[in-house]
Amino acid sequence: MQGLLEIDRKRGLYGLTPVGLDRIGNAIDVAEAFIEEFDEQEAADVVREVRRRNLDALRVRFLWGWYQGEFDDLTLFQQRRGSETVEHEPAEYLLSDAFYEELSRELS
């Protein structure tokens, strides 16, 4: 959990620590900045500019989709993209090579 999560034993839930909240807040700030700057541009132009700045294009793509709710329903995400095999366990798919390969296809 690396100091980002803590267990609320009374409620039996995980909760974000102040450090975890800061990490999520920073990710939101970064995603908002990317969207504000690039929202009106074509995807190919965004990828070129991100790479020119030596930024991780896959990270930018992930943060963009995460912020806009594109990954809220990962089963629907896979179905919309015509995946032959749909993984119905969100955590399994989110951590799979297939998910990141799908995002990478847009970056070519």
Protein backbone atom coordinates (compact mmCIF):
# COMPACT_ATOMS: atom_id res chain seq x y z
CA MET A 1 0.00 0.00 0.00
CA GLN A 2 3.15 2.13 0.15
CA GLY A 3 1.58 4.69 2.48
CA LEU A 4 -1.21 5.53 0.02
CA LEU A 5 -3.95 3.42 1.59
CA GLU A 6 -4.92 2.52 5.11
CA ILE A 7 -7.39 0.03 6.51
CA ASP A 8 -10.38 1.38 8.40
CA ARG A 9 -10.83 -1.61 10.71
CA LYS A 10 -14.14 -0.38 12.14
CA ARG A 11 -15.79 -0.18 8.72
CA GLY A 12 -13.72 -2.90 7.08
CA LEU A 13 -12.73 -0.64 4.20
CA TYR A 14 -9.61 0.76 2.65
CA GLY A 15 -9.19 4.52 2.69
CA LEU A 16 -6.78 6.95 1.13
CA THR A 17 -4.12 8.46 3.38
CA PRO A 18 -3.25 12.14 3.08
CA VAL A 19 -0.33 11.08 0.85
CA GLY A 20 -2.74 9.00 -1.25
CA LEU A 21 -5.11 11.95 -1.58
CA ASP A 22 -2.21 14.15 -2.70
CA ARG A 23 -1.18 11.55 -5.29
CA ILE A 24 -4.72 11.35 -6.70
CA GLY A 25 -4.99 15.16 -6.63
CA ASN A 26 -1.76 15.48 -8.59
CA ALA A 27 -2.95 12.94 -11.16
CA ILE A 28 -6.18 14.91 -11.57
CA ASP A 29 -4.25 18.15 -12.00
CA VAL A 30 -2.02 16.59 -14.66
CA ALA A 31 -4.99 15.09 -16.51
CA GLU A 32 -6.85 18.41 -16.44
CA ALA A 33 -3.80 20.24 -17.78
CA PHE A 34 -3.44 17.77 -20.68
CA ILE A 35 -7.13 18.01 -21.54
CA GLU A 36 -7.16 21.81 -21.29
CA GLU A 37 -4.15 22.09 -23.58
CA PHE A 38 -4.94 19.39 -26.14
CA ASP A 39 -8.73 18.97 -26.15
CA GLU A 40 -9.33 20.61 -29.52
CA GLN A 41 -6.39 18.94 -31.31
CA GLU A 42 -6.35 15.83 -33.45
CA ALA A 43 -5.06 12.70 -31.69
CA ALA A 44 -2.07 12.36 -34.03
CA ASP A 45 -1.02 15.95 -33.29
CA VAL A 46 -1.32 15.34 -29.54
CA VAL A 47 0.82 12.20 -29.75
CA ARG A 48 3.48 14.06 -31.76
CA GLU A 49 3.59 16.93 -29.29
CA VAL A 50 3.69 14.67 -26.23
CA ARG A 51 6.56 12.70 -27.74
CA ARG A 52 8.35 15.91 -28.75
CA ARG A 53 8.23 16.94 -25.09
CA ASN A 54 9.65 13.53 -24.15
CA LEU A 55 6.53 12.68 -22.11
CA ASP A 56 5.12 9.18 -21.79
CA ALA A 57 2.34 9.09 -24.39
CA LEU A 58 0.76 6.00 -22.82
CA ARG A 59 0.57 7.77 -19.45
CA VAL A 60 -1.04 10.80 -21.07
CA ARG A 61 -3.55 8.54 -22.85
CA PHE A 62 -4.34 6.66 -19.63
CA LEU A 63 -4.81 9.81 -17.55
CA TRP A 64 -7.00 11.34 -20.25
CA GLY A 65 -9.29 8.30 -20.41
CA TRP A 66 -9.33 7.85 -16.64
CA TYR A 67 -10.24 11.49 -16.01
CA GLN A 68 -13.03 11.47 -18.59
CA GLY A 69 -14.55 8.27 -17.22
CA GLU A 70 -13.73 6.16 -20.26
CA PHE A 71 -12.54 3.33 -18.01
CA ASP A 72 -15.41 3.44 -15.50
CA ASP A 73 -16.92 0.33 -17.10
CA LEU A 74 -14.07 -1.75 -18.48
CA THR A 75 -16.40 -4.43 -19.85
CA LEU A 76 -18.17 -1.79 -21.94
CA PHE A 77 -14.79 -0.32 -22.92
CA GLN A 78 -13.71 -3.71 -24.30
CA GLN A 79 -17.04 -4.29 -26.07
CA ARG A 80 -16.95 -0.89 -27.76
CA ARG A 81 -13.50 -1.70 -29.11
CA GLY A 82 -14.59 -5.05 -30.48
CA SER A 83 -12.42 -7.21 -28.24
CA GLU A 84 -12.69 -10.87 -29.16
CA THR A 85 -12.37 -11.93 -25.53
CA VAL A 86 -13.95 -9.71 -22.90
CA GLU A 87 -12.45 -9.86 -19.42
CA HIS A 88 -15.31 -9.25 -16.96
CA GLU A 89 -13.10 -8.78 -13.90
CA PRO A 90 -12.14 -5.06 -14.00
CA ALA A 91 -8.96 -5.37 -11.91
CA GLU A 92 -7.70 -8.25 -14.06
CA TYR A 93 -8.23 -6.28 -17.27
CA LEU A 94 -6.86 -3.01 -15.91
CA LEU A 95 -3.60 -4.74 -15.00
CA SER A 96 -3.40 -6.83 -18.16
CA ASP A 97 -1.19 -6.39 -21.18
CA ALA A 98 -4.35 -6.41 -23.32
CA PHE A 99 -5.58 -3.14 -21.77
CA TYR A 100 -2.32 -1.31 -22.39
CA GLU A 101 -1.94 -2.82 -25.86
CA GLU A 102 -5.40 -1.45 -26.66
CA LEU A 103 -4.41 2.03 -25.48
CA SER A 104 -1.09 1.78 -27.36
CA ARG A 105 -2.86 1.07 -30.65
CA GLU A 106 -4.09 4.66 -30.63
CA LEU A 107 -0.57 5.99 -30.22
CA SER A 108 0.88 4.54 -33.42
